[in-house]
Every structure is written in structure tokens, then in C-alpha cells.
Amino acid sequence: MERARKLANRAILKRLLSSSKQQPLYKSSSRCLSSLSPSVVQGGSNVVSKVHSFNSRNLVQFVGTRSISVEALKPSDTFPRRHNSATPEEQTKMAEFVGYNSLDALIDATVPKSIRIDKMEFPIFDEGLTEAQMIQHMQDLASKNKVFKSYIGMGYYNTFVPPVILRNIMENPGWYTQYTPYQAEISQGRLESLLNFQTLITDLTGLPMSNASLLDEGTAAAEAMAMCNNILKGKKKTFVIASNCHPQTIDICQTRADGFDLKVVVSDIKDIDYKSGDVCGVLVQYPGTEGEILDYGEFIKNAHANGVKVVMASDLLALTMLKPPGELGADIVVGSAQRFGVPMGYGGPHAAFLATSQEYKRMMPGRIIGVSVDSSGKPALRMAMQTREQHIRRTRPLATFAQLR
């Protein structure tokens, strides 16, 4: 591609120098929807003033000698028409402008034939489908599905999002961008939505610090497990998980524990004890995976008395009615944001959250959005405390590459 760019630039410069004293001739495009539009010619206003009736003779005189474009009669919502704005005629002119007689000649000069194939064949869609045809095709496929009630649960539940929210937030380009913001400060709308997310998480969990999401609830629980290990500087190597946690969360924690040289013990919440003195943290579910709601107040006090950090996996929608985990004394709260109205989508993707106290903010994984000011002194949003992250703390970052996306 670099070679193609250099060749094109060289040809353009040569053409500009050779024709700098010439007046370019612009012709009307054949891509107009109506082939009966008048050509843009000198004195066009006089021509229009002479047209008194739209009979066939006057109409022919009105449009002049312009030919009718067959391209204008073809569907306008095909992939090439939507995404390749230049017509074949315009592509040829563009290629000639940079010194080649066709687009194929330009490709031959830049991309070796040895790495190209003649053409890509898709037998089912040889001619391609228009947008309207594709939507109809997808609707036909969807109509064959049988929709049943889901009773699997385990943190994933059907939700209803009011249309007003869909229109004003989900479908509002001011709130989202179509690319990964590696230079995040450019996307102030996205940062504002993430800041709103963090604020909502802190309100519901009762803890002052939240990150801007993680991958899923199981991953967030594993990150919280790593935090417990780091808080105690790796001196205690056992992590206890209550059996009322979601099974997928337990599985992920057990897998991730190998990398931290931790031992994971799954136990009924009534049988959990800390006599070994080697427990760094404990994970409980609130509400439980089967829907039970327990009062963890005394349980958390007992854990803290034994120097054990408490991680609570919570349901955000339930927290609108239940006592916040922060008020119960939990050190870290994790969970899934699917309850905010995200479709189940066969299990994902659903963002997770992680909230904690100010004391452990430097040990949090993922991105944190903060309020700052720009060079003009106006309020602006930016990523805060980036020294925790992969692109700065290279040796032992607290966030993986996937989480930074």
C-alpha cells in the first residue's frame, strides 16, 4: 500500500505541474438519479427561460444532448453503490489522472499478481443482494426460529429497553463511535457515556470507585481474586468461593487461579472458615445463583476479623431494591451489565463492572474515566490513573489487551 501511495502521489504531482495553466473541464456525473436533469452549461438560465411547456420536443431541447444513464436505473442500495461512490467511468478518469489507463492497470503496478486471485466467488450471492433484499432475507431466516422462554438464568435474563432510550442513546451517534478509541480523548461522547456508567455503578454498589467495564462477570470475579492476592502481597494463597455463585464464574476463577499460583476452594457458605490463616479473599453471590437473598452483614464482619477480603458478585437490577454491598462492608463488588438492558445474545457480549474503595483504586483493572480540563480550561474527560494499565506499566499490568479495547 505504501508503494501504491507513492506512485499515485508522484503521478498526481506530475499531472498537476503539466496542466497548471490549463482550465479543467468538468462534466456532469452519470450517477444522478434522474437522467433528465439539465446539463450545467453557460447561459443555462436563458435556456430555462425559453422553456414554456414540457412537451416532448421542448424537453429534448431542454436536456440537450445528454445521454440517459442506465446506471441511474439500477438499485442504489447495493454494496458497491453504497460504499464505492465513484462510478466505473469516474474510476477510469481517476486512474488516467495518475497515469494509468484503468483501475486494473493501477492495481497491476502496485500489487503483484503472485499474491492475487482472479476473483472471489460466492455461489449463493453471485450478483449480491441489495440492502432491502438482505433485510428481507434475514427476516425470512428469523421467521423460522421458535422463540421460547429462557429459564437458564445464572445472571442472564430478558430485559425490556424503552424505545425512547433506544432512539436517544443507543442510536444516537453523539454517544458512540464505530472504532476503538486508542486515543480516547478524541471521543468525548463515548467517555461521557462511560463516566455515566461508572457513576451508576458507584450509586448502586455503594462503593466510591468503579472502572469503565471489563469483559464479563466471570472475568471480573477473576480480576477481583487477583486484587485480593495483590492487596495481601501474595502472602496468602487460598481463595474461597461460595457454592451459591454462578457456575461459569467458579470455572473461570479456577482457570485463572493457576496463573496466580492460587488455590481455589468451593464451599457452602455455612461451612466457610478461615482457620488455616491462608485465605486472601472470599467470593459470594448477591442474590445467589438460584435467587436466594442472604444478609451478609455478619459474614463480612467475620471475614474482616480474620484478615480476609470480601468480593461480592451482584445483580445490578436487584441492587435497585436491595441494600448496597458497600453498606454491608464488601471490599470489591463485581457483576454483569447485561441487566442494564443488553440483549442476551446467546451469552454475550456483555460488559462487566468492578467497584471498590478508594484504598484499592491503584490495584483496579481496566480503564477509569475522570473529569479534567482541556488546554482552554474547559471541562473535558480523560482516562485517569493510566499507570496501572498495559501500555504504561509494561512488566505486570492490571489490565489485559482485550480489556483495554
Foldseek 3Di string as FASTA:
>chain_A
DVVLVVLQVVLLVVLCVVCVPPDDDDWDDLQDLFQLDATDDPPLVVLVVPQDDPDPVSSCVNNDPRDHRPNSVDDCQFPCNVPVVDDLVRQQVSQVSSPDRHPVRSCVVPPPPVPDDPDDDDPVARVGDGPVRVVVVVVVVVVPDDDDADDQFQFAHADDDDVVCCVPAVVDVLQDDDDQPPVVQVNQNVLVVLQVVQVLVCVLQVADGKFSWFFFQLVQLLLVVVLLCVVVPNQAAEEEEEPQHRPVSVVSNCVSSVVVNHHYHYYHLVPDDCVVLRYSEYEYEAVGRVRHHDLCLVVLVRCVVSNHAYEYEYRSVVSVPDDRNVVSPHAKYKYWPVNVRPHCPVPDRTTMMMGGHPVSPLSDEAWHKDWDADPVRHIGIDTPNCCQACVNVPPDHSYDPVRHD
